[in-house]
Amino acid sequence: MRPESNLLRQSDDLRAAVSALEKAGVKLCIVVDDNGRVLRTVTDGDIRRGLIAGLAMTDPISDLQGTSPVTMLQGTGKADLIMELDNKGIDVIVLTDEDGRPTGLADRTSLTRTLFLSPPHMGDAEAAYVKLAFDENFVAPAGSNLVEFEAALCRVSGRAHALAVSSGTAGLHLALRVLDIGSGDRVYVSDLTFVATVQPVLYERATPMLIDAEPVSWNMSPEALARALARDAKAGQLPKAIVVVHLYGQPADMAAIMALATQYDVPVIEDAAESLGASCGNLASGAHGLLSVYSFNGNKIITTSGGGALVSDRPDLIRRAQKLATQGRDPAEHYQHSEIAYNYRMSNVLAGIGRGQLEVLRDRVTARREIHDRYVSGLGDIPGVSFQSELPGTLGNRWLTVISLDPDETGVHAYQLMRSLRTSGIETRPAWKPMQMQPLLRGAEFEPHSETLAVGPGLFLRTLCLPSGSAMTARQQDGVIASVRDVLTHRIAA
């Protein structure tokens, strides 16, 4: 933390110290000399003991009894800071520059708290919209929040119609249903993805065919897609849909994929669960396929705690999806149902959270892109380290920054780095395990990027997702960078 609001002079009185402590996050003030160098610290305990000894609130801080503070240089590693706290039996260390001027505070609570991968980043507007739902007594899947949230989604996605639902998975399931995909139908799916992309295909007992990634953006390979479509067209078994994922918020090569889909007249469903706020060409991510899906899970770039959306320019498809999402009730005065349907609609309360979150989407994208750039700047010079790249004409939202390690150069496997960072309170996650390697999809057809290269398995074995939350401070990220560098540079040197 920055110490500006915690700084005091020796001539300041005890009232000033009490006022500063009331405002401070860490209940400690730093007393500096005329040159700004650290002299001592003041706590509420110091003031209490001074008052018991007979001091008045108007007396200067210099009259307080005290000892020299524990200081360490800015940039000291987290492990060394925690060791010093333990050795001295204290909870706060003053960080200084080489001239002894304070640059921050390292407190035990912050140092031992886990830095999560992508925690929710909430603002002020969300609570007001949730309160509106309560004030209007609309907490079910109806109300002004839901209407306004769907309208805002249309603006953000560039789509004509949006349906807010309970999850991104529900949105994908509805997309398959409105395209009448069922038992035995073939569906092409990105191989390098989270399992939620494939689960709805299995719900409908359709047959997934897994399309490998390409090595630049790590998304669906147009080369693999072209070979699969040509072969299946010749065999008379074209897929009923292509489900393409925008991995970690980076758009796929939609120009090439859409050209192939148009050539073979196969509808495209965009799994844009991770890529809200990204763009491809002059269109938003999620504005290319016949139908597209977003996720608002708690770890996404914006969240409704749990939720998703289905968007399209086809009103008939969205109307059909809305009916299926609300138990498939027929247009009758009584409760009549003629088909299997679901309870997939989003509540008005959660839509209120989404309204507030969408208002700051652009800020969230900017923050995550800056985080990605700092990682590249801080780690990109290490031999064997690389990152997921953007294709020309695309702009990712950098939902997660993912580091790739070449073990021949780093001498470190991604899991070794993950376990080392965990001991420092830094959460990381392995990248998605390709669907072809999942027990659930054992025996599924797979089309590699080329006849000699399957990209997805290699990426899985050498990549690791780094903390990327938009509320992460520069200092927290500096700590991650320092920890990664420490692991990798020591191993490389050895």
Protein backbone atom coordinates (compact mmCIF):
# COMPACT_ATOMS: atom_id res chain seq x y z
CA MET A 1 0.00 0.00 0.00
CA ARG A 2 1.11 3.58 -0.57
CA PRO A 3 1.89 5.43 2.69
CA GLU A 4 1.02 9.05 1.81
CA SER A 5 -2.04 9.27 4.09
CA ASN A 6 -0.06 7.58 6.89
CA LEU A 7 2.85 10.07 6.96
CA LEU A 8 3.42 12.33 9.97
CA ARG A 9 6.10 14.77 11.16
CA GLN A 10 7.61 14.75 14.65
CA SER A 11 6.06 18.14 15.30
CA ASP A 12 2.52 16.86 14.57
CA ASP A 13 0.45 16.42 17.70
CA LEU A 14 -1.32 13.32 18.94
CA ARG A 15 -4.65 14.53 17.51
CA ALA A 16 -3.15 14.43 14.03
CA ALA A 17 -1.89 10.91 14.69
CA VAL A 18 -5.33 9.73 15.87
CA SER A 19 -6.98 11.27 12.80
CA ALA A 20 -4.49 9.59 10.46
CA LEU A 21 -4.93 6.21 12.13
CA GLU A 22 -8.72 6.41 11.79
CA LYS A 23 -8.33 6.80 8.02
CA ALA A 24 -5.59 4.23 7.56
CA GLY A 25 -6.25 0.75 6.21
CA VAL A 26 -3.28 -0.61 8.16
CA LYS A 27 -3.44 0.98 11.63
CA LEU A 28 0.08 2.36 11.67
CA CYS A 29 1.53 5.79 10.87
CA ILE A 30 5.07 6.56 9.70
CA VAL A 31 6.92 9.49 11.22
CA VAL A 32 9.51 11.05 8.87
CA ASP A 33 12.18 13.72 9.26
CA ASP A 34 12.52 16.92 7.23
CA ASN A 35 14.14 14.95 4.40
CA GLY A 36 11.29 12.44 4.30
CA ARG A 37 13.29 9.58 5.83
CA VAL A 38 11.70 7.15 8.28
CA LEU A 39 12.22 7.94 11.97
CA ARG A 40 9.65 5.76 13.70
CA THR A 41 6.11 4.45 13.54
CA VAL A 42 3.06 5.25 15.65
CA THR A 43 0.20 2.92 16.56
CA ASP A 44 -2.91 3.47 18.62
CA GLY A 45 -1.18 1.48 21.36
CA ASP A 46 1.67 4.02 21.43
CA ILE A 47 -0.84 6.87 21.82
CA ARG A 48 -2.79 5.05 24.52
CA ARG A 49 0.38 4.41 26.54
CA GLY A 50 1.40 8.08 26.10
CA LEU A 51 -1.94 9.32 27.43
CA ILE A 52 -1.70 6.96 30.42
CA ALA A 53 1.76 8.41 31.09
CA GLY A 54 0.29 11.93 31.24
CA LEU A 55 0.63 13.30 27.70
CA ALA A 56 -2.12 15.51 26.26
CA MET A 57 -3.63 15.27 22.78
CA THR A 58 -1.95 18.59 21.94
CA ASP A 59 1.55 17.27 22.72
CA PRO A 60 3.86 16.49 19.80
CA ILE A 61 4.49 12.96 18.59
CA SER A 62 8.16 13.36 19.50
CA ASP A 63 7.14 13.08 23.18
CA LEU A 64 5.90 9.52 22.68
CA GLN A 65 8.08 6.65 23.77
CA GLY A 66 9.03 4.44 20.84
CA THR A 67 11.56 2.23 19.14
CA SER A 68 13.04 2.25 15.66
CA PRO A 69 10.72 0.62 13.13
CA VAL A 70 11.51 -2.53 11.15
CA THR A 71 12.22 -1.50 7.57
CA MET A 72 13.10 -3.39 4.41
CA LEU A 73 13.83 -2.27 0.88
CA GLN A 74 10.99 -1.98 -1.62
CA GLY A 75 11.10 -5.03 -3.90
CA THR A 76 11.97 -7.52 -1.17
CA GLY A 77 10.30 -10.84 -1.93
CA LYS A 78 7.14 -11.94 -0.15
CA ALA A 79 8.81 -14.97 1.45
CA ASP A 80 11.58 -12.81 2.95
CA LEU A 81 9.04 -10.29 4.25
CA ILE A 82 6.98 -12.98 5.96
CA MET A 83 10.14 -14.49 7.47
CA GLU A 84 11.11 -11.10 8.91
CA LEU A 85 7.63 -10.61 10.36
CA ASP A 86 7.88 -14.01 12.02
CA ASN A 87 11.41 -13.44 13.30
CA LYS A 88 10.53 -10.07 14.83
CA GLY A 89 7.08 -11.10 16.05
CA ILE A 90 5.43 -8.11 14.33
CA ASP A 91 2.63 -7.61 11.80
CA VAL A 92 3.85 -4.66 9.69
CA ILE A 93 7.12 -3.75 7.97
CA VAL A 94 7.85 -0.31 6.50
CA LEU A 95 9.17 -0.53 2.94
CA THR A 96 11.68 2.11 1.91
CA ASP A 97 13.81 3.19 -1.02
CA GLU A 98 17.60 3.13 -0.78
CA ASP A 99 17.58 6.60 0.84
CA GLY A 100 15.31 5.47 3.67
CA ARG A 101 12.17 7.18 2.39
CA PRO A 102 8.96 5.18 2.85
CA THR A 103 7.41 3.61 -0.24
CA GLY A 104 4.76 1.42 1.33
CA LEU A 105 3.73 -0.97 4.06
CA ALA A 106 3.95 -4.76 4.02
CA ASP A 107 1.39 -6.14 6.46
CA ARG A 108 0.92 -9.77 7.45
CA THR A 109 -2.73 -9.92 6.39
CA SER A 110 -2.00 -8.78 2.86
CA LEU A 111 1.12 -10.90 2.52
CA THR A 112 -0.56 -14.11 3.63
CA ARG A 113 -3.82 -13.56 1.75
CA THR A 114 -4.15 -15.67 -1.41
CA LEU A 115 -4.06 -13.67 -4.63
CA PHE A 116 -6.83 -15.34 -6.63
CA LEU A 117 -6.81 -15.96 -10.34
CA SER A 118 -9.82 -13.87 -11.37
CA PRO A 119 -12.01 -12.76 -8.46
CA PRO A 120 -15.15 -10.65 -8.96
CA HIS A 121 -14.58 -6.90 -9.22
CA MET A 122 -17.68 -5.19 -7.89
CA GLY A 123 -18.55 -1.50 -8.01
CA ASP A 124 -21.16 0.84 -6.55
CA ALA A 125 -23.93 0.65 -9.16
CA GLU A 126 -24.68 -3.06 -8.69
CA ALA A 127 -26.13 -2.65 -5.19
CA ALA A 128 -28.42 0.14 -6.36
CA TYR A 129 -29.88 -2.01 -9.13
CA VAL A 130 -30.32 -4.95 -6.77
CA LYS A 131 -32.13 -2.63 -4.36
CA LEU A 132 -34.34 -1.55 -7.27
CA ALA A 133 -35.40 -5.17 -7.76
CA PHE A 134 -36.36 -5.37 -4.09
CA ASP A 135 -38.09 -1.97 -4.15
CA GLU A 136 -40.15 -3.02 -7.18
CA ASN A 137 -40.73 -6.47 -5.63
CA PHE A 138 -39.50 -8.17 -8.79
CA VAL A 139 -37.03 -10.86 -7.74
CA ALA A 140 -38.23 -13.52 -10.19
CA PRO A 141 -37.17 -13.81 -13.87
CA ALA A 142 -39.04 -10.62 -14.81
CA GLY A 143 -38.64 -6.92 -14.18
CA SER A 144 -36.92 -3.75 -15.30
CA ASN A 145 -33.39 -4.97 -14.54
CA LEU A 146 -33.83 -7.95 -16.83
CA VAL A 147 -35.24 -5.80 -19.63
CA GLU A 148 -32.46 -3.20 -19.33
CA PHE A 149 -29.71 -5.79 -18.95
CA GLU A 150 -30.76 -7.53 -22.16
CA ALA A 151 -30.94 -4.18 -23.96
CA ALA A 152 -27.43 -3.33 -22.75
CA LEU A 153 -26.18 -6.73 -23.92
CA CYS A 154 -27.54 -5.99 -27.37
CA ARG A 155 -25.58 -2.73 -27.45
CA VAL A 156 -22.36 -4.34 -26.22
CA SER A 157 -22.56 -7.35 -28.55
CA GLY A 158 -23.90 -5.52 -31.58
CA ARG A 159 -26.77 -7.99 -31.74
CA ALA A 160 -30.44 -7.29 -32.28
CA HIS A 161 -31.73 -9.66 -29.60
CA ALA A 162 -30.50 -11.02 -26.25
CA LEU A 163 -31.83 -13.53 -23.75
CA ALA A 164 -30.37 -13.56 -20.22
CA VAL A 165 -30.20 -17.07 -18.77
CA SER A 166 -28.88 -18.92 -15.74
CA SER A 167 -25.45 -19.81 -17.19
CA GLY A 168 -23.38 -19.82 -20.34
CA THR A 169 -23.88 -23.58 -20.48
CA ALA A 170 -27.65 -23.05 -20.52
CA GLY A 171 -27.20 -20.59 -23.38
CA LEU A 172 -25.24 -23.14 -25.40
CA HIS A 173 -27.85 -25.81 -24.70
CA LEU A 174 -30.61 -23.52 -25.91
CA ALA A 175 -28.59 -22.67 -29.04
CA LEU A 176 -28.40 -26.37 -29.93
CA ARG A 177 -32.10 -26.88 -29.21
CA VAL A 178 -33.29 -24.01 -31.41
CA LEU A 179 -31.18 -25.42 -34.25
CA ASP A 180 -32.93 -28.79 -33.74
CA ILE A 181 -29.69 -30.61 -33.04
CA GLY A 182 -30.35 -34.01 -31.57
CA SER A 183 -29.31 -37.62 -31.29
CA GLY A 184 -26.65 -38.65 -33.77
CA ASP A 185 -26.14 -35.21 -35.30
CA ARG A 186 -22.50 -34.22 -35.78
CA VAL A 187 -21.29 -31.00 -34.14
CA TYR A 188 -17.79 -29.59 -34.60
CA VAL A 189 -16.41 -28.15 -31.34
CA SER A 190 -13.15 -26.43 -30.41
CA ASP A 191 -10.94 -29.04 -28.76
CA LEU A 192 -9.01 -26.65 -26.50
CA THR A 193 -11.75 -25.39 -24.20
CA PHE A 194 -13.54 -25.90 -20.90
CA VAL A 195 -15.83 -28.91 -20.79
CA ALA A 196 -18.95 -26.70 -20.61
CA THR A 197 -18.57 -26.12 -24.37
CA VAL A 198 -19.09 -29.82 -25.08
CA GLN A 199 -21.53 -30.82 -22.33
CA PRO A 200 -24.67 -29.46 -24.08
CA VAL A 201 -23.76 -31.46 -27.21
CA LEU A 202 -23.75 -34.55 -25.02
CA TYR A 203 -27.02 -33.52 -23.34
CA GLU A 204 -28.70 -33.86 -26.73
CA ARG A 205 -26.86 -37.10 -27.55
CA ALA A 206 -25.29 -35.45 -30.55
CA THR A 207 -21.80 -36.46 -31.67
CA PRO A 208 -18.98 -34.00 -31.02
CA MET A 209 -16.05 -33.84 -33.41
CA LEU A 210 -13.10 -32.01 -31.89
CA ILE A 211 -11.19 -29.45 -33.95
CA ASP A 212 -7.63 -28.67 -32.88
CA ALA A 213 -6.22 -25.22 -32.03
CA GLU A 214 -3.84 -23.16 -34.14
CA PRO A 215 -0.55 -22.04 -32.53
CA VAL A 216 -1.00 -18.24 -32.55
CA SER A 217 -4.29 -17.45 -30.77
CA TRP A 218 -4.77 -21.05 -29.53
CA ASN A 219 -8.28 -21.03 -31.00
CA MET A 220 -9.96 -23.29 -33.56
CA SER A 221 -7.62 -24.03 -36.46
CA PRO A 222 -9.10 -22.94 -39.82
CA GLU A 223 -6.74 -25.43 -41.50
CA ALA A 224 -8.11 -28.34 -39.45
CA LEU A 225 -11.67 -27.09 -39.96
CA ALA A 226 -11.23 -26.89 -43.74
CA ARG A 227 -9.93 -30.48 -43.95
CA ALA A 228 -12.74 -31.82 -41.76
CA LEU A 229 -15.47 -30.03 -43.72
CA ALA A 230 -14.08 -31.15 -47.09
CA ARG A 231 -13.85 -34.76 -45.96
CA ASP A 232 -17.30 -34.81 -44.32
CA ALA A 233 -18.92 -33.07 -47.28
CA LYS A 234 -17.54 -35.75 -49.55
CA ALA A 235 -18.91 -38.43 -47.20
CA GLY A 236 -22.30 -36.70 -46.98
CA GLN A 237 -22.08 -36.15 -43.23
CA LEU A 238 -21.59 -32.43 -42.70
CA PRO A 239 -22.10 -31.20 -39.13
CA LYS A 240 -25.31 -29.53 -38.00
CA ALA A 241 -23.27 -26.72 -36.35
CA ILE A 242 -19.76 -25.45 -35.62
CA VAL A 243 -19.17 -24.33 -32.02
CA VAL A 244 -16.10 -22.08 -31.94
CA VAL A 245 -14.55 -20.86 -28.66
CA HIS A 246 -12.76 -17.54 -28.10
CA LEU A 247 -10.18 -18.88 -25.65
CA TYR A 248 -9.25 -16.77 -22.62
CA GLY A 249 -10.95 -13.79 -24.25
CA GLN A 250 -8.90 -13.89 -27.49
CA PRO A 251 -11.07 -13.97 -30.64
CA ALA A 252 -10.61 -16.81 -33.11
CA ASP A 253 -9.96 -16.23 -36.83
CA MET A 254 -13.64 -15.58 -37.52
CA ALA A 255 -13.11 -14.34 -41.07
CA ALA A 256 -11.63 -17.68 -42.11
CA ILE A 257 -14.05 -19.74 -40.02
CA MET A 258 -17.14 -17.89 -41.25
CA ALA A 259 -15.97 -18.19 -44.88
CA LEU A 260 -15.72 -21.97 -44.49
CA ALA A 261 -19.06 -22.16 -42.70
CA THR A 262 -20.73 -20.17 -45.48
CA GLN A 263 -19.10 -22.30 -48.16
CA TYR A 264 -20.55 -25.47 -46.64
CA ASP A 265 -23.76 -23.86 -45.30
CA VAL A 266 -23.14 -24.85 -41.68
CA PRO A 267 -24.37 -22.53 -38.87
CA VAL A 268 -21.80 -21.19 -36.40
CA ILE A 269 -22.38 -20.88 -32.65
CA GLU A 270 -19.85 -18.66 -30.91
CA ASP A 271 -18.89 -19.72 -27.41
CA ALA A 272 -17.91 -16.19 -26.36
CA ALA A 273 -18.23 -17.09 -22.67
CA GLU A 274 -14.76 -15.69 -21.95
CA SER A 275 -14.57 -12.88 -24.52
CA LEU A 276 -17.20 -10.24 -23.70
CA GLY A 277 -15.74 -6.86 -24.63
CA ALA A 278 -13.28 -8.28 -27.17
CA SER A 279 -13.53 -7.54 -30.89
CA CYS A 280 -12.70 -9.14 -34.21
CA GLY A 281 -12.48 -6.83 -37.21
CA ASN A 282 -15.14 -4.17 -36.77
CA LEU A 283 -17.49 -6.47 -34.86
CA ALA A 284 -17.73 -7.44 -31.22
CA SER A 285 -16.76 -10.92 -30.19
CA GLY A 286 -20.05 -12.79 -30.35
CA ALA A 287 -21.41 -10.86 -33.36
CA HIS A 288 -20.33 -13.27 -36.11
CA GLY A 289 -22.16 -16.56 -35.74
CA LEU A 290 -25.85 -17.30 -36.11
CA LEU A 291 -26.03 -17.54 -32.31
CA SER A 292 -23.55 -16.59 -29.61
CA VAL A 293 -23.25 -17.20 -25.90
CA TYR A 294 -21.69 -15.21 -23.02
CA SER A 295 -20.98 -16.26 -19.45
CA PHE A 296 -21.26 -14.10 -16.33
CA ASN A 297 -19.86 -16.64 -13.89
CA GLY A 298 -18.12 -15.24 -10.81
CA ASN A 299 -14.67 -15.39 -12.41
CA LYS A 300 -15.55 -13.73 -15.72
CA ILE A 301 -14.64 -10.20 -16.79
CA ILE A 302 -18.07 -9.09 -15.59
CA THR A 303 -20.32 -11.20 -13.42
CA THR A 304 -23.89 -11.65 -12.26
CA SER A 305 -22.57 -14.18 -9.72
CA GLY A 306 -23.91 -16.89 -11.98
CA GLY A 307 -25.51 -16.36 -15.35
CA GLY A 308 -25.17 -16.18 -19.10
CA ALA A 309 -26.81 -14.89 -22.24
CA LEU A 310 -27.78 -16.05 -25.71
CA VAL A 311 -27.64 -13.41 -28.45
CA SER A 312 -28.60 -13.41 -32.13
CA ASP A 313 -29.91 -11.22 -34.94
CA ARG A 314 -32.70 -13.75 -35.55
CA PRO A 315 -35.79 -12.87 -33.46
CA ASP A 316 -37.41 -16.24 -34.17
CA LEU A 317 -34.47 -18.10 -32.63
CA ILE A 318 -34.47 -15.96 -29.50
CA ARG A 319 -38.25 -16.27 -29.11
CA ARG A 320 -37.92 -20.04 -29.39
CA ALA A 321 -35.06 -20.04 -26.87
CA GLN A 322 -37.09 -17.92 -24.45
CA LYS A 323 -39.94 -20.39 -24.55
CA LEU A 324 -37.59 -23.30 -23.92
CA ALA A 325 -35.93 -21.37 -21.08
CA THR A 326 -39.28 -20.90 -19.29
CA GLN A 327 -40.51 -24.51 -19.16
CA GLY A 328 -41.90 -24.45 -22.71
CA ARG A 329 -45.35 -23.20 -21.77
CA ASP A 330 -47.77 -23.18 -24.71
CA PRO A 331 -49.88 -20.06 -25.48
CA ALA A 332 -52.95 -21.08 -23.49
CA GLU A 333 -54.87 -19.71 -20.52
CA HIS A 334 -54.01 -22.80 -18.53
CA TYR A 335 -50.65 -24.46 -17.99
CA GLN A 336 -50.04 -26.53 -21.11
CA HIS A 337 -46.71 -28.00 -22.21
CA SER A 338 -45.97 -29.88 -25.42
CA GLU A 339 -42.21 -30.35 -25.35
CA ILE A 340 -39.27 -30.87 -23.03
CA ALA A 341 -38.02 -27.51 -21.76
CA TYR A 342 -36.04 -25.97 -18.92
CA ASN A 343 -35.94 -23.46 -16.09
CA TYR A 344 -33.04 -21.43 -17.53
CA ARG A 345 -34.13 -17.79 -17.17
CA MET A 346 -32.02 -15.27 -15.22
CA SER A 347 -33.57 -13.57 -12.20
CA ASN A 348 -34.24 -9.85 -12.05
CA VAL A 349 -31.92 -9.59 -9.02
CA LEU A 350 -28.92 -11.05 -10.83
CA ALA A 351 -29.71 -8.96 -13.89
CA GLY A 352 -29.37 -5.92 -11.63
CA ILE A 353 -25.82 -6.96 -10.80
CA GLY A 354 -25.19 -7.37 -14.51
CA ARG A 355 -26.49 -3.87 -15.31
CA GLY A 356 -23.98 -2.33 -12.95
CA GLN A 357 -21.16 -4.52 -14.21
CA LEU A 358 -21.82 -3.72 -17.87
CA GLU A 359 -21.48 -0.01 -17.14
CA VAL A 360 -17.77 -0.54 -16.42
CA LEU A 361 -17.02 -3.26 -19.00
CA ARG A 362 -14.72 -1.02 -21.01
CA ASP A 363 -12.74 -0.17 -17.87
CA ARG A 364 -12.45 -3.86 -16.99
CA VAL A 365 -11.10 -4.69 -20.45
CA THR A 366 -8.58 -1.85 -20.24
CA ALA A 367 -7.41 -3.02 -16.83
CA ARG A 368 -6.94 -6.64 -17.92
CA ARG A 369 -5.10 -5.64 -21.07
CA GLU A 370 -2.76 -3.50 -18.97
CA ILE A 371 -2.19 -6.46 -16.64
CA HIS A 372 -1.32 -8.65 -19.62
CA ASP A 373 1.10 -6.05 -20.98
CA ARG A 374 2.86 -5.78 -17.60
CA TYR A 375 3.29 -9.55 -17.51
CA VAL A 376 4.79 -9.54 -21.00
CA SER A 377 7.10 -6.66 -20.06
CA GLY A 378 8.11 -8.25 -16.76
CA LEU A 379 8.58 -11.85 -17.92
CA GLY A 380 8.93 -11.84 -21.70
CA ASP A 381 12.73 -11.55 -21.63
CA ILE A 382 13.14 -14.91 -19.86
CA PRO A 383 14.30 -17.61 -22.31
CA GLY A 384 11.53 -20.11 -23.03
CA VAL A 385 8.68 -17.84 -21.86
CA SER A 386 5.93 -16.78 -24.27
CA PHE A 387 2.28 -15.71 -24.22
CA GLN A 388 -0.95 -16.23 -26.17
CA SER A 389 -0.97 -13.85 -29.16
CA GLU A 390 -3.70 -11.85 -30.88
CA LEU A 391 -4.45 -12.44 -34.54
CA PRO A 392 -4.24 -9.40 -36.84
CA GLY A 393 -7.41 -7.32 -36.65
CA THR A 394 -8.50 -8.72 -33.28
CA LEU A 395 -8.51 -7.20 -29.81
CA GLY A 396 -8.81 -9.61 -26.89
CA ASN A 397 -10.25 -8.70 -23.52
CA ARG A 398 -7.35 -10.60 -21.86
CA TRP A 399 -9.74 -12.22 -19.41
CA LEU A 400 -6.81 -14.36 -18.30
CA THR A 401 -3.14 -13.96 -19.09
CA VAL A 402 -1.62 -17.35 -19.81
CA ILE A 403 2.13 -17.97 -19.72
CA SER A 404 3.74 -20.68 -21.85
CA LEU A 405 6.96 -22.37 -20.72
CA ASP A 406 9.31 -24.25 -23.02
CA PRO A 407 10.76 -26.81 -20.56
CA ASP A 408 13.82 -27.35 -22.75
CA GLU A 409 14.79 -23.72 -22.08
CA THR A 410 13.30 -23.01 -18.64
CA GLY A 411 13.90 -26.41 -17.07
CA VAL A 412 10.57 -25.92 -15.29
CA HIS A 413 7.23 -27.62 -15.93
CA ALA A 414 4.13 -25.46 -15.60
CA TYR A 415 2.93 -27.57 -12.66
CA GLN A 416 6.23 -27.01 -10.83
CA LEU A 417 5.76 -23.27 -11.22
CA MET A 418 2.13 -23.55 -10.08
CA ARG A 419 3.09 -25.42 -6.89
CA SER A 420 5.89 -23.00 -6.09
CA LEU A 421 3.64 -19.97 -6.51
CA ARG A 422 0.99 -21.60 -4.32
CA THR A 423 3.40 -21.59 -1.38
CA SER A 424 3.65 -17.80 -1.83
CA GLY A 425 -0.13 -17.33 -1.72
CA ILE A 426 -0.48 -16.91 -5.49
CA GLU A 427 -3.24 -18.88 -7.19
CA THR A 428 -2.58 -20.10 -10.72
CA ARG A 429 -4.35 -22.74 -12.79
CA PRO A 430 -3.30 -25.13 -15.54
CA ALA A 431 -4.67 -24.17 -18.93
CA TRP A 432 -7.68 -26.12 -20.20
CA LYS A 433 -7.07 -29.79 -20.80
CA PRO A 434 -8.11 -30.52 -24.41
CA MET A 435 -11.37 -32.36 -24.81
CA GLN A 436 -9.66 -35.19 -26.75
CA MET A 437 -7.68 -35.95 -23.56
CA GLN A 438 -10.74 -36.02 -21.27
CA PRO A 439 -12.15 -39.38 -20.14
CA LEU A 440 -15.62 -38.05 -20.95
CA LEU A 441 -14.70 -37.71 -24.64
CA ARG A 442 -12.68 -40.89 -24.96
CA GLY A 443 -12.94 -42.12 -28.55
CA ALA A 444 -14.30 -38.86 -29.98
CA GLU A 445 -13.12 -37.87 -33.44
CA PHE A 446 -10.32 -35.31 -33.50
CA GLU A 447 -8.93 -33.23 -36.35
CA PRO A 448 -5.37 -31.98 -35.69
CA HIS A 449 -4.04 -28.63 -36.83
CA SER A 450 -1.93 -30.35 -39.48
CA GLU A 451 -1.03 -33.87 -40.50
CA THR A 452 2.12 -33.64 -38.38
CA LEU A 453 1.08 -31.37 -35.48
CA ALA A 454 -1.59 -31.44 -32.80
CA VAL A 455 -1.39 -28.05 -31.04
CA GLY A 456 -3.78 -28.43 -28.09
CA PRO A 457 -1.99 -31.18 -26.14
CA GLY A 458 1.32 -29.29 -26.25
CA LEU A 459 -0.31 -26.11 -24.98
CA PHE A 460 -1.93 -27.99 -22.13
CA LEU A 461 1.39 -29.41 -20.98
CA ARG A 462 3.29 -26.12 -20.91
CA THR A 463 0.84 -23.30 -20.09
CA LEU A 464 -0.34 -21.75 -16.83
CA CYS A 465 -2.99 -19.08 -16.13
CA LEU A 466 -1.66 -16.18 -14.02
CA PRO A 467 -3.66 -13.94 -11.64
CA SER A 468 -5.48 -11.48 -13.91
CA GLY A 469 -8.26 -9.88 -11.84
CA SER A 470 -9.02 -6.32 -12.88
CA ALA A 471 -8.83 -5.13 -9.26
CA MET A 472 -5.30 -6.48 -8.82
CA THR A 473 -2.89 -3.69 -7.89
CA ALA A 474 0.40 -3.02 -9.66
CA ARG A 475 2.20 -3.96 -6.45
CA GLN A 476 0.40 -7.30 -6.25
CA GLN A 477 1.29 -8.01 -9.85
CA ASP A 478 4.90 -7.00 -9.24
CA GLY A 479 4.91 -9.65 -6.51
CA VAL A 480 3.68 -12.30 -8.97
CA ILE A 481 6.27 -11.27 -11.53
CA ALA A 482 9.04 -11.34 -8.94
CA SER A 483 7.97 -14.79 -7.75
CA VAL A 484 7.81 -16.21 -11.28
CA ARG A 485 11.19 -14.70 -12.15
CA ASP A 486 12.68 -16.12 -8.97
CA VAL A 487 11.55 -19.66 -9.85
CA LEU A 488 12.52 -19.50 -13.51
CA THR A 489 15.79 -17.60 -13.33
CA HIS A 490 17.13 -19.76 -10.50
CA ARG A 491 16.27 -22.93 -12.41
CA ILE A 492 17.76 -21.58 -15.64
CA ALA A 493 20.95 -20.52 -13.85
CA ALA A 494 21.26 -23.97 -12.30
